[in-house]
Amino acid sequence: SALLGFSQQEFVPNLVICMLAFYHGEI
């Protein structure tokens, strides 16, 4: 959930947001 919260920050690049959206469990 912290990773998902991090992905919602404005400064996070889109590639990182996509990676976190699909692979947040593995990460």
mmCIF file of all heavy atoms, coordinates in Angstrom:
data_MODEL
# 
_entry.id   MODEL 
# 
loop_
_atom_site.group_PDB 
_atom_site.id 
_atom_site.type_symbol 
_atom_site.label_atom_id 
_atom_site.label_alt_id 
_atom_site.label_comp_id 
_atom_site.label_asym_id 
_atom_site.label_entity_id 
_atom_site.label_seq_id 
_atom_site.pdbx_PDB_ins_code 
_atom_site.Cartn_x 
_atom_site.Cartn_y 
_atom_site.Cartn_z 
_atom_site.occupancy 
_atom_site.B_iso_or_equiv 
_atom_site.pdbx_formal_charge 
_atom_site.auth_seq_id 
_atom_site.auth_comp_id 
_atom_site.auth_asym_id 
_atom_site.auth_atom_id 
_atom_site.pdbx_PDB_model_num 
ATOM 1   N N   . SER A 1 1  ? 0.830  -1.215  0.000   1.00 0.00 ? 1  SER A N   1 
ATOM 2   C CA  . SER A 1 1  ? 0.000  0.000   0.000   1.00 0.00 ? 1  SER A CA  1 
ATOM 3   C C   . SER A 1 1  ? 0.860  1.258   0.000   1.00 0.00 ? 1  SER A C   1 
ATOM 4   O O   . SER A 1 1  ? 0.490  2.262   -0.600  1.00 0.00 ? 1  SER A O   1 
ATOM 5   C CB  . SER A 1 1  ? -0.960 -0.013  1.192   1.00 0.00 ? 1  SER A CB  1 
ATOM 6   O OG  . SER A 1 1  ? -0.251 0.072   2.402   1.00 0.00 ? 1  SER A OG  1 
ATOM 7   N N   . ALA A 1 2  ? 2.030  1.202   0.637   1.00 0.00 ? 2  ALA A N   1 
ATOM 8   C CA  . ALA A 1 2  ? 2.937  2.353   0.597   1.00 0.00 ? 2  ALA A CA  1 
ATOM 9   C C   . ALA A 1 2  ? 3.450  2.576   -0.822  1.00 0.00 ? 2  ALA A C   1 
ATOM 10  O O   . ALA A 1 2  ? 3.581  3.721   -1.273  1.00 0.00 ? 2  ALA A O   1 
ATOM 11  C CB  . ALA A 1 2  ? 4.103  2.141   1.556   1.00 0.00 ? 2  ALA A CB  1 
ATOM 12  N N   . LEU A 1 3  ? 3.726  1.489   -1.535  1.00 0.00 ? 3  LEU A N   1 
ATOM 13  C CA  . LEU A 1 3  ? 4.162  1.619   -2.929  1.00 0.00 ? 3  LEU A CA  1 
ATOM 14  C C   . LEU A 1 3  ? 3.056  2.214   -3.794  1.00 0.00 ? 3  LEU A C   1 
ATOM 15  O O   . LEU A 1 3  ? 3.310  3.053   -4.657  1.00 0.00 ? 3  LEU A O   1 
ATOM 16  C CB  . LEU A 1 3  ? 4.593  0.257   -3.488  1.00 0.00 ? 3  LEU A CB  1 
ATOM 17  C CG  . LEU A 1 3  ? 5.923  -0.292  -2.993  1.00 0.00 ? 3  LEU A CG  1 
ATOM 18  C CD1 . LEU A 1 3  ? 6.116  -1.724  -3.467  1.00 0.00 ? 3  LEU A CD1 1 
ATOM 19  C CD2 . LEU A 1 3  ? 7.066  0.585   -3.444  1.00 0.00 ? 3  LEU A CD2 1 
ATOM 20  N N   . LEU A 1 4  ? 1.832  1.767   -3.558  1.00 0.00 ? 4  LEU A N   1 
ATOM 21  C CA  . LEU A 1 4  ? 0.716  2.326   -4.320  1.00 0.00 ? 4  LEU A CA  1 
ATOM 22  C C   . LEU A 1 4  ? 0.514  3.798   -3.984  1.00 0.00 ? 4  LEU A C   1 
ATOM 23  O O   . LEU A 1 4  ? 0.216  4.606   -4.859  1.00 0.00 ? 4  LEU A O   1 
ATOM 24  C CB  . LEU A 1 4  ? -0.562 1.524   -4.044  1.00 0.00 ? 4  LEU A CB  1 
ATOM 25  C CG  . LEU A 1 4  ? -0.607 0.141   -4.668  1.00 0.00 ? 4  LEU A CG  1 
ATOM 26  C CD1 . LEU A 1 4  ? -1.843 -0.619  -4.216  1.00 0.00 ? 4  LEU A CD1 1 
ATOM 27  C CD2 . LEU A 1 4  ? -0.541 0.219   -6.167  1.00 0.00 ? 4  LEU A CD2 1 
ATOM 28  N N   . GLY A 1 5  ? 0.690  4.170   -2.716  1.00 0.00 ? 5  GLY A N   1 
ATOM 29  C CA  . GLY A 1 5  ? 0.604  5.576   -2.336  1.00 0.00 ? 5  GLY A CA  1 
ATOM 30  C C   . GLY A 1 5  ? 1.715  6.399   -2.960  1.00 0.00 ? 5  GLY A C   1 
ATOM 31  O O   . GLY A 1 5  ? 1.500  7.537   -3.399  1.00 0.00 ? 5  GLY A O   1 
ATOM 32  N N   . PHE A 1 6  ? 2.898  5.815   -3.040  1.00 0.00 ? 6  PHE A N   1 
ATOM 33  C CA  . PHE A 1 6  ? 4.035  6.494   -3.674  1.00 0.00 ? 6  PHE A CA  1 
ATOM 34  C C   . PHE A 1 6  ? 3.760  6.732   -5.153  1.00 0.00 ? 6  PHE A C   1 
ATOM 35  O O   . PHE A 1 6  ? 4.134  7.765   -5.706  1.00 0.00 ? 6  PHE A O   1 
ATOM 36  C CB  . PHE A 1 6  ? 5.298  5.658   -3.484  1.00 0.00 ? 6  PHE A CB  1 
ATOM 37  C CG  . PHE A 1 6  ? 6.501  6.198   -4.177  1.00 0.00 ? 6  PHE A CG  1 
ATOM 38  C CD1 . PHE A 1 6  ? 7.163  7.315   -3.699  1.00 0.00 ? 6  PHE A CD1 1 
ATOM 39  C CD2 . PHE A 1 6  ? 6.980  5.591   -5.336  1.00 0.00 ? 6  PHE A CD2 1 
ATOM 40  C CE1 . PHE A 1 6  ? 8.275  7.810   -4.344  1.00 0.00 ? 6  PHE A CE1 1 
ATOM 41  C CE2 . PHE A 1 6  ? 8.088  6.085   -5.993  1.00 0.00 ? 6  PHE A CE2 1 
ATOM 42  C CZ  . PHE A 1 6  ? 8.736  7.202   -5.492  1.00 0.00 ? 6  PHE A CZ  1 
ATOM 43  N N   . SER A 1 7  ? 3.086  5.768   -5.789  1.00 0.00 ? 7  SER A N   1 
ATOM 44  C CA  . SER A 1 7  ? 2.830  5.904   -7.226  1.00 0.00 ? 7  SER A CA  1 
ATOM 45  C C   . SER A 1 7  ? 1.838  7.021   -7.536  1.00 0.00 ? 7  SER A C   1 
ATOM 46  O O   . SER A 1 7  ? 1.735  7.450   -8.677  1.00 0.00 ? 7  SER A O   1 
ATOM 47  C CB  . SER A 1 7  ? 2.317  4.578   -7.797  1.00 0.00 ? 7  SER A CB  1 
ATOM 48  O OG  . SER A 1 7  ? 1.022  4.304   -7.313  1.00 0.00 ? 7  SER A OG  1 
ATOM 49  N N   . GLN A 1 8  ? 1.114  7.496   -6.550  1.00 0.00 ? 8  GLN A N   1 
ATOM 50  C CA  . GLN A 1 8  ? 0.134  8.551   -6.769  1.00 0.00 ? 8  GLN A CA  1 
ATOM 51  C C   . GLN A 1 8  ? 0.716  9.948   -6.566  1.00 0.00 ? 8  GLN A C   1 
ATOM 52  O O   . GLN A 1 8  ? 0.006  10.936  -6.688  1.00 0.00 ? 8  GLN A O   1 
ATOM 53  C CB  . GLN A 1 8  ? -1.074 8.336   -5.851  1.00 0.00 ? 8  GLN A CB  1 
ATOM 54  C CG  . GLN A 1 8  ? -1.809 7.056   -6.179  1.00 0.00 ? 8  GLN A CG  1 
ATOM 55  C CD  . GLN A 1 8  ? -2.887 6.723   -5.168  1.00 0.00 ? 8  GLN A CD  1 
ATOM 56  O OE1 . GLN A 1 8  ? -3.056 7.419   -4.179  1.00 0.00 ? 8  GLN A OE1 1 
ATOM 57  N NE2 . GLN A 1 8  ? -3.601 5.638   -5.425  1.00 0.00 ? 8  GLN A NE2 1 
ATOM 58  N N   . GLN A 1 9  ? 2.000  10.027  -6.264  1.00 0.00 ? 9  GLN A N   1 
ATOM 59  C CA  . GLN A 1 9  ? 2.650  11.325  -6.107  1.00 0.00 ? 9  GLN A CA  1 
ATOM 60  C C   . GLN A 1 9  ? 2.869  11.946  -7.485  1.00 0.00 ? 9  GLN A C   1 
ATOM 61  O O   . GLN A 1 9  ? 3.069  11.252  -8.476  1.00 0.00 ? 9  GLN A O   1 
ATOM 62  C CB  . GLN A 1 9  ? 3.991  11.173  -5.378  1.00 0.00 ? 9  GLN A CB  1 
ATOM 63  C CG  . GLN A 1 9  ? 3.871  10.551  -3.999  1.00 0.00 ? 9  GLN A CG  1 
ATOM 64  C CD  . GLN A 1 9  ? 3.051  11.393  -3.056  1.00 0.00 ? 9  GLN A CD  1 
ATOM 65  O OE1 . GLN A 1 9  ? 3.167  12.604  -3.030  1.00 0.00 ? 9  GLN A OE1 1 
ATOM 66  N NE2 . GLN A 1 9  ? 2.190  10.745  -2.278  1.00 0.00 ? 9  GLN A NE2 1 
ATOM 67  N N   . GLU A 1 10 ? 2.877  13.236  -7.532  1.00 0.00 ? 10 GLU A N   1 
ATOM 68  C CA  . GLU A 1 10 ? 2.973  13.945  -8.808  1.00 0.00 ? 10 GLU A CA  1 
ATOM 69  C C   . GLU A 1 10 ? 4.356  13.846  -9.452  1.00 0.00 ? 10 GLU A C   1 
ATOM 70  O O   . GLU A 1 10 ? 4.485  13.879  -10.665 1.00 0.00 ? 10 GLU A O   1 
ATOM 71  C CB  . GLU A 1 10 ? 2.622  15.420  -8.606  1.00 0.00 ? 10 GLU A CB  1 
ATOM 72  C CG  . GLU A 1 10 ? 1.172  15.646  -8.276  1.00 0.00 ? 10 GLU A CG  1 
ATOM 73  C CD  . GLU A 1 10 ? 0.860  17.118  -8.085  1.00 0.00 ? 10 GLU A CD  1 
ATOM 74  O OE1 . GLU A 1 10 ? 1.665  17.965  -8.509  1.00 0.00 ? 10 GLU A OE1 1 
ATOM 75  O OE2 . GLU A 1 10 ? -0.193 17.406  -7.509  1.00 0.00 ? 10 GLU A OE2 1 
ATOM 76  N N   . PHE A 1 11 ? 5.403  13.715  -8.658  1.00 0.00 ? 11 PHE A N   1 
ATOM 77  C CA  . PHE A 1 11 ? 6.764  13.724  -9.203  1.00 0.00 ? 11 PHE A CA  1 
ATOM 78  C C   . PHE A 1 11 ? 7.209  12.369  -9.739  1.00 0.00 ? 11 PHE A C   1 
ATOM 79  O O   . PHE A 1 11 ? 8.278  12.260  -10.328 1.00 0.00 ? 11 PHE A O   1 
ATOM 80  C CB  . PHE A 1 11 ? 7.760  14.208  -8.139  1.00 0.00 ? 11 PHE A CB  1 
ATOM 81  C CG  . PHE A 1 11 ? 7.807  13.335  -6.911  1.00 0.00 ? 11 PHE A CG  1 
ATOM 82  C CD1 . PHE A 1 11 ? 8.634  12.223  -6.858  1.00 0.00 ? 11 PHE A CD1 1 
ATOM 83  C CD2 . PHE A 1 11 ? 7.027  13.633  -5.807  1.00 0.00 ? 11 PHE A CD2 1 
ATOM 84  C CE1 . PHE A 1 11 ? 8.677  11.431  -5.738  1.00 0.00 ? 11 PHE A CE1 1 
ATOM 85  C CE2 . PHE A 1 11 ? 7.066  12.846  -4.673  1.00 0.00 ? 11 PHE A CE2 1 
ATOM 86  C CZ  . PHE A 1 11 ? 7.893  11.733  -4.634  1.00 0.00 ? 11 PHE A CZ  1 
ATOM 87  N N   . VAL A 1 12 ? 6.402  11.320  -9.580  1.00 0.00 ? 12 VAL A N   1 
ATOM 88  C CA  . VAL A 1 12 ? 6.781  9.982   -10.010 1.00 0.00 ? 12 VAL A CA  1 
ATOM 89  C C   . VAL A 1 12 ? 6.579  9.854   -11.515 1.00 0.00 ? 12 VAL A C   1 
ATOM 90  O O   . VAL A 1 12 ? 5.500  10.174  -12.030 1.00 0.00 ? 12 VAL A O   1 
ATOM 91  C CB  . VAL A 1 12 ? 5.955  8.916   -9.254  1.00 0.00 ? 12 VAL A CB  1 
ATOM 92  C CG1 . VAL A 1 12 ? 6.319  7.525   -9.722  1.00 0.00 ? 12 VAL A CG1 1 
ATOM 93  C CG2 . VAL A 1 12 ? 6.177  9.048   -7.754  1.00 0.00 ? 12 VAL A CG2 1 
ATOM 94  N N   . PRO A 1 13 ? 7.596  9.390   -12.249 1.00 0.00 ? 13 PRO A N   1 
ATOM 95  C CA  . PRO A 1 13 ? 7.459  9.235   -13.711 1.00 0.00 ? 13 PRO A CA  1 
ATOM 96  C C   . PRO A 1 13 ? 6.386  8.198   -14.074 1.00 0.00 ? 13 PRO A C   1 
ATOM 97  O O   . PRO A 1 13 ? 6.095  7.284   -13.305 1.00 0.00 ? 13 PRO A O   1 
ATOM 98  C CB  . PRO A 1 13 ? 8.841  8.759   -14.155 1.00 0.00 ? 13 PRO A CB  1 
ATOM 99  C CG  . PRO A 1 13 ? 9.750  9.068   -13.035 1.00 0.00 ? 13 PRO A CG  1 
ATOM 100 C CD  . PRO A 1 13 ? 8.944  9.098   -11.790 1.00 0.00 ? 13 PRO A CD  1 
ATOM 101 N N   . ASN A 1 14 ? 5.836  8.349   -15.251 1.00 0.00 ? 14 ASN A N   1 
ATOM 102 C CA  . ASN A 1 14 ? 4.758  7.463   -15.704 1.00 0.00 ? 14 ASN A CA  1 
ATOM 103 C C   . ASN A 1 14 ? 5.203  6.004   -15.786 1.00 0.00 ? 14 ASN A C   1 
ATOM 104 O O   . ASN A 1 14 ? 4.422  5.104   -15.496 1.00 0.00 ? 14 ASN A O   1 
ATOM 105 C CB  . ASN A 1 14 ? 4.225  7.918   -17.063 1.00 0.00 ? 14 ASN A CB  1 
ATOM 106 C CG  . ASN A 1 14 ? 3.398  9.182   -16.948 1.00 0.00 ? 14 ASN A CG  1 
ATOM 107 O OD1 . ASN A 1 14 ? 2.871  9.475   -15.883 1.00 0.00 ? 14 ASN A OD1 1 
ATOM 108 N ND2 . ASN A 1 14 ? 3.297  9.923   -18.040 1.00 0.00 ? 14 ASN A ND2 1 
ATOM 109 N N   . LEU A 1 15 ? 6.437  5.759   -16.191 1.00 0.00 ? 15 LEU A N   1 
ATOM 110 C CA  . LEU A 1 15 ? 6.936  4.389   -16.283 1.00 0.00 ? 15 LEU A CA  1 
ATOM 111 C C   . LEU A 1 15 ? 6.911  3.719   -14.912 1.00 0.00 ? 15 LEU A C   1 
ATOM 112 O O   . LEU A 1 15 ? 6.497  2.563   -14.773 1.00 0.00 ? 15 LEU A O   1 
ATOM 113 C CB  . LEU A 1 15 ? 8.352  4.381   -16.863 1.00 0.00 ? 15 LEU A CB  1 
ATOM 114 C CG  . LEU A 1 15 ? 9.025  3.020   -16.955 1.00 0.00 ? 15 LEU A CG  1 
ATOM 115 C CD1 . LEU A 1 15 ? 8.241  2.112   -17.904 1.00 0.00 ? 15 LEU A CD1 1 
ATOM 116 C CD2 . LEU A 1 15 ? 10.461 3.166   -17.399 1.00 0.00 ? 15 LEU A CD2 1 
ATOM 117 N N   . VAL A 1 16 ? 7.331  4.445   -13.888 1.00 0.00 ? 16 VAL A N   1 
ATOM 118 C CA  . VAL A 1 16 ? 7.322  3.903   -12.524 1.00 0.00 ? 16 VAL A CA  1 
ATOM 119 C C   . VAL A 1 16 ? 5.891  3.661   -12.063 1.00 0.00 ? 16 VAL A C   1 
ATOM 120 O O   . VAL A 1 16 ? 5.592  2.644   -11.420 1.00 0.00 ? 16 VAL A O   1 
ATOM 121 C CB  . VAL A 1 16 ? 8.084  4.846   -11.556 1.00 0.00 ? 16 VAL A CB  1 
ATOM 122 C CG1 . VAL A 1 16 ? 7.976  4.360   -10.124 1.00 0.00 ? 16 VAL A CG1 1 
ATOM 123 C CG2 . VAL A 1 16 ? 9.535  4.974   -11.972 1.00 0.00 ? 16 VAL A CG2 1 
ATOM 124 N N   . ILE A 1 17 ? 4.982  4.555   -12.408 1.00 0.00 ? 17 ILE A N   1 
ATOM 125 C CA  . ILE A 1 17 ? 3.577  4.393   -12.034 1.00 0.00 ? 17 ILE A CA  1 
ATOM 126 C C   . ILE A 1 17 ? 3.006  3.127   -12.674 1.00 0.00 ? 17 ILE A C   1 
ATOM 127 O O   . ILE A 1 17 ? 2.311  2.342   -12.018 1.00 0.00 ? 17 ILE A O   1 
ATOM 128 C CB  . ILE A 1 17 ? 2.756  5.635   -12.449 1.00 0.00 ? 17 ILE A CB  1 
ATOM 129 C CG1 . ILE A 1 17 ? 3.177  6.837   -11.609 1.00 0.00 ? 17 ILE A CG1 1 
ATOM 130 C CG2 . ILE A 1 17 ? 1.266  5.387   -12.320 1.00 0.00 ? 17 ILE A CG2 1 
ATOM 131 C CD1 . ILE A 1 17 ? 2.585  8.152   -12.067 1.00 0.00 ? 17 ILE A CD1 1 
ATOM 132 N N   . CYS A 1 18 ? 3.319  2.896   -13.936 1.00 0.00 ? 18 CYS A N   1 
ATOM 133 C CA  . CYS A 1 18 ? 2.841  1.690   -14.624 1.00 0.00 ? 18 CYS A CA  1 
ATOM 134 C C   . CYS A 1 18 ? 3.434  0.427   -14.000 1.00 0.00 ? 18 CYS A C   1 
ATOM 135 O O   . CYS A 1 18 ? 2.720  -0.563  -13.797 1.00 0.00 ? 18 CYS A O   1 
ATOM 136 C CB  . CYS A 1 18 ? 3.184  1.745   -16.108 1.00 0.00 ? 18 CYS A CB  1 
ATOM 137 S SG  . CYS A 1 18 ? 2.246  2.992   -17.004 1.00 0.00 ? 18 CYS A SG  1 
ATOM 138 N N   . MET A 1 19 ? 4.727  0.450   -13.705 1.00 0.00 ? 19 MET A N   1 
ATOM 139 C CA  . MET A 1 19 ? 5.363  -0.704  -13.073 1.00 0.00 ? 19 MET A CA  1 
ATOM 140 C C   . MET A 1 19 ? 4.725  -1.006  -11.719 1.00 0.00 ? 19 MET A C   1 
ATOM 141 O O   . MET A 1 19 ? 4.451  -2.159  -11.398 1.00 0.00 ? 19 MET A O   1 
ATOM 142 C CB  . MET A 1 19 ? 6.864  -0.470  -12.908 1.00 0.00 ? 19 MET A CB  1 
ATOM 143 C CG  . MET A 1 19 ? 7.647  -0.602  -14.176 1.00 0.00 ? 19 MET A CG  1 
ATOM 144 S SD  . MET A 1 19 ? 9.412  -0.281  -13.950 1.00 0.00 ? 19 MET A SD  1 
ATOM 145 C CE  . MET A 1 19 ? 9.827  -1.381  -12.633 1.00 0.00 ? 19 MET A CE  1 
ATOM 146 N N   . LEU A 1 20 ? 4.506  0.036   -10.916 1.00 0.00 ? 20 LEU A N   1 
ATOM 147 C CA  . LEU A 1 20 ? 3.898  -0.162  -9.606  1.00 0.00 ? 20 LEU A CA  1 
ATOM 148 C C   . LEU A 1 20 ? 2.452  -0.630  -9.718  1.00 0.00 ? 20 LEU A C   1 
ATOM 149 O O   . LEU A 1 20 ? 1.978  -1.405  -8.883  1.00 0.00 ? 20 LEU A O   1 
ATOM 150 C CB  . LEU A 1 20 ? 3.986  1.120   -8.784  1.00 0.00 ? 20 LEU A CB  1 
ATOM 151 C CG  . LEU A 1 20 ? 5.390  1.493   -8.287  1.00 0.00 ? 20 LEU A CG  1 
ATOM 152 C CD1 . LEU A 1 20 ? 5.371  2.851   -7.623  1.00 0.00 ? 20 LEU A CD1 1 
ATOM 153 C CD2 . LEU A 1 20 ? 5.930  0.441   -7.347  1.00 0.00 ? 20 LEU A CD2 1 
ATOM 154 N N   . ALA A 1 21 ? 1.739  -0.174  -10.734 1.00 0.00 ? 21 ALA A N   1 
ATOM 155 C CA  . ALA A 1 21 ? 0.350  -0.587  -10.912 1.00 0.00 ? 21 ALA A CA  1 
ATOM 156 C C   . ALA A 1 21 ? 0.249  -2.074  -11.224 1.00 0.00 ? 21 ALA A C   1 
ATOM 157 O O   . ALA A 1 21 ? -0.652 -2.757  -10.724 1.00 0.00 ? 21 ALA A O   1 
ATOM 158 C CB  . ALA A 1 21 ? -0.295 0.236   -12.021 1.00 0.00 ? 21 ALA A CB  1 
ATOM 159 N N   . PHE A 1 22 ? 1.149  -2.590  -12.050 1.00 0.00 ? 22 PHE A N   1 
ATOM 160 C CA  . PHE A 1 22 ? 1.069  -3.987  -12.457 1.00 0.00 ? 22 PHE A CA  1 
ATOM 161 C C   . PHE A 1 22 ? 1.854  -4.939  -11.545 1.00 0.00 ? 22 PHE A C   1 
ATOM 162 O O   . PHE A 1 22 ? 1.479  -6.086  -11.384 1.00 0.00 ? 22 PHE A O   1 
ATOM 163 C CB  . PHE A 1 22 ? 1.564  -4.150  -13.904 1.00 0.00 ? 22 PHE A CB  1 
ATOM 164 C CG  . PHE A 1 22 ? 0.629  -3.566  -14.910 1.00 0.00 ? 22 PHE A CG  1 
ATOM 165 C CD1 . PHE A 1 22 ? 0.964  -2.407  -15.585 1.00 0.00 ? 22 PHE A CD1 1 
ATOM 166 C CD2 . PHE A 1 22 ? -0.596 -4.161  -15.176 1.00 0.00 ? 22 PHE A CD2 1 
ATOM 167 C CE1 . PHE A 1 22 ? 0.100  -1.860  -16.513 1.00 0.00 ? 22 PHE A CE1 1 
ATOM 168 C CE2 . PHE A 1 22 ? -1.467 -3.626  -16.101 1.00 0.00 ? 22 PHE A CE2 1 
ATOM 169 C CZ  . PHE A 1 22 ? -1.114 -2.464  -16.767 1.00 0.00 ? 22 PHE A CZ  1 
ATOM 170 N N   . TYR A 1 23 ? 2.958  -4.474  -10.968 1.00 0.00 ? 23 TYR A N   1 
ATOM 171 C CA  . TYR A 1 23 ? 3.859  -5.375  -10.242 1.00 0.00 ? 23 TYR A CA  1 
ATOM 172 C C   . TYR A 1 23 ? 4.068  -4.971  -8.786  1.00 0.00 ? 23 TYR A C   1 
ATOM 173 O O   . TYR A 1 23 ? 5.098  -5.301  -8.198  1.00 0.00 ? 23 TYR A O   1 
ATOM 174 C CB  . TYR A 1 23 ? 5.225  -5.429  -10.941 1.00 0.00 ? 23 TYR A CB  1 
ATOM 175 C CG  . TYR A 1 23 ? 5.135  -5.915  -12.360 1.00 0.00 ? 23 TYR A CG  1 
ATOM 176 C CD1 . TYR A 1 23 ? 5.346  -5.043  -13.420 1.00 0.00 ? 23 TYR A CD1 1 
ATOM 177 C CD2 . TYR A 1 23 ? 4.831  -7.246  -12.642 1.00 0.00 ? 23 TYR A CD2 1 
ATOM 178 C CE1 . TYR A 1 23 ? 5.266  -5.484  -14.728 1.00 0.00 ? 23 TYR A CE1 1 
ATOM 179 C CE2 . TYR A 1 23 ? 4.741  -7.691  -13.948 1.00 0.00 ? 23 TYR A CE2 1 
ATOM 180 C CZ  . TYR A 1 23 ? 4.965  -6.805  -14.978 1.00 0.00 ? 23 TYR A CZ  1 
ATOM 181 O OH  . TYR A 1 23 ? 4.879  -7.251  -16.273 1.00 0.00 ? 23 TYR A OH  1 
ATOM 182 N N   . HIS A 1 24 ? 3.123  -4.262  -8.174  1.00 0.00 ? 24 HIS A N   1 
ATOM 183 C CA  . HIS A 1 24 ? 3.349  -3.786  -6.809  1.00 0.00 ? 24 HIS A CA  1 
ATOM 184 C C   . HIS A 1 24 ? 3.521  -4.940  -5.818  1.00 0.00 ? 24 HIS A C   1 
ATOM 185 O O   . HIS A 1 24 ? 4.289  -4.825  -4.878  1.00 0.00 ? 24 HIS A O   1 
ATOM 186 C CB  . HIS A 1 24 ? 2.245  -2.830  -6.360  1.00 0.00 ? 24 HIS A CB  1 
ATOM 187 C CG  . HIS A 1 24 ? 0.874  -3.382  -6.497  1.00 0.00 ? 24 HIS A CG  1 
ATOM 188 N ND1 . HIS A 1 24 ? 0.169  -3.288  -7.670  1.00 0.00 ? 24 HIS A ND1 1 
ATOM 189 C CD2 . HIS A 1 24 ? 0.079  -4.029  -5.626  1.00 0.00 ? 24 HIS A CD2 1 
ATOM 190 C CE1 . HIS A 1 24 ? -1.010 -3.855  -7.515  1.00 0.00 ? 24 HIS A CE1 1 
ATOM 191 N NE2 . HIS A 1 24 ? -1.093 -4.315  -6.281  1.00 0.00 ? 24 HIS A NE2 1 
ATOM 192 N N   . GLY A 1 25 ? 2.859  -6.074  -6.027  1.00 0.00 ? 25 GLY A N   1 
ATOM 193 C CA  . GLY A 1 25 ? 3.033  -7.229  -5.139  1.00 0.00 ? 25 GLY A CA  1 
ATOM 194 C C   . GLY A 1 25 ? 4.433  -7.804  -5.223  1.00 0.00 ? 25 GLY A C   1 
ATOM 195 O O   . GLY A 1 25 ? 5.066  -8.084  -4.201  1.00 0.00 ? 25 GLY A O   1 
ATOM 196 N N   . GLU A 1 26 ? 4.936  -7.969  -6.445  1.00 0.00 ? 26 GLU A N   1 
ATOM 197 C CA  . GLU A 1 26 ? 6.273  -8.517  -6.635  1.00 0.00 ? 26 GLU A CA  1 
ATOM 198 C C   . GLU A 1 26 ? 7.354  -7.552  -6.138  1.00 0.00 ? 26 GLU A C   1 
ATOM 199 O O   . GLU A 1 26 ? 8.341  -7.963  -5.523  1.00 0.00 ? 26 GLU A O   1 
ATOM 200 C CB  . GLU A 1 26 ? 6.519  -8.848  -8.115  1.00 0.00 ? 26 GLU A CB  1 
ATOM 201 C CG  . GLU A 1 26 ? 5.733  -10.036 -8.622  1.00 0.00 ? 26 GLU A CG  1 
ATOM 202 C CD  . GLU A 1 26 ? 4.317  -9.680  -9.061  1.00 0.00 ? 26 GLU A CD  1 
ATOM 203 O OE1 . GLU A 1 26 ? 3.910  -8.502  -8.897  1.00 0.00 ? 26 GLU A OE1 1 
ATOM 204 O OE2 . GLU A 1 26 ? 3.606  -10.568 -9.534  1.00 0.00 ? 26 GLU A OE2 1 
ATOM 205 N N   . ILE A 1 27 ? 7.144  -6.270  -6.405  1.00 0.00 ? 27 ILE A N   1 
ATOM 206 C CA  . ILE A 1 27 ? 8.115  -5.266  -5.946  1.00 0.00 ? 27 ILE A CA  1 
ATOM 207 C C   . ILE A 1 27 ? 8.148  -5.220  -4.429  1.00 0.00 ? 27 ILE A C   1 
ATOM 208 O O   . ILE A 1 27 ? 9.223  -5.157  -3.820  1.00 0.00 ? 27 ILE A O   1 
ATOM 209 C CB  . ILE A 1 27 ? 7.800  -3.885  -6.557  1.00 0.00 ? 27 ILE A CB  1 
ATOM 210 C CG1 . ILE A 1 27 ? 8.010  -3.925  -8.060  1.00 0.00 ? 27 ILE A CG1 1 
ATOM 211 C CG2 . ILE A 1 27 ? 8.661  -2.794  -5.919  1.00 0.00 ? 27 ILE A CG2 1 
ATOM 212 C CD1 . ILE A 1 27 ? 7.520  -2.698  -8.802  1.00 0.00 ? 27 ILE A CD1 1 
# 
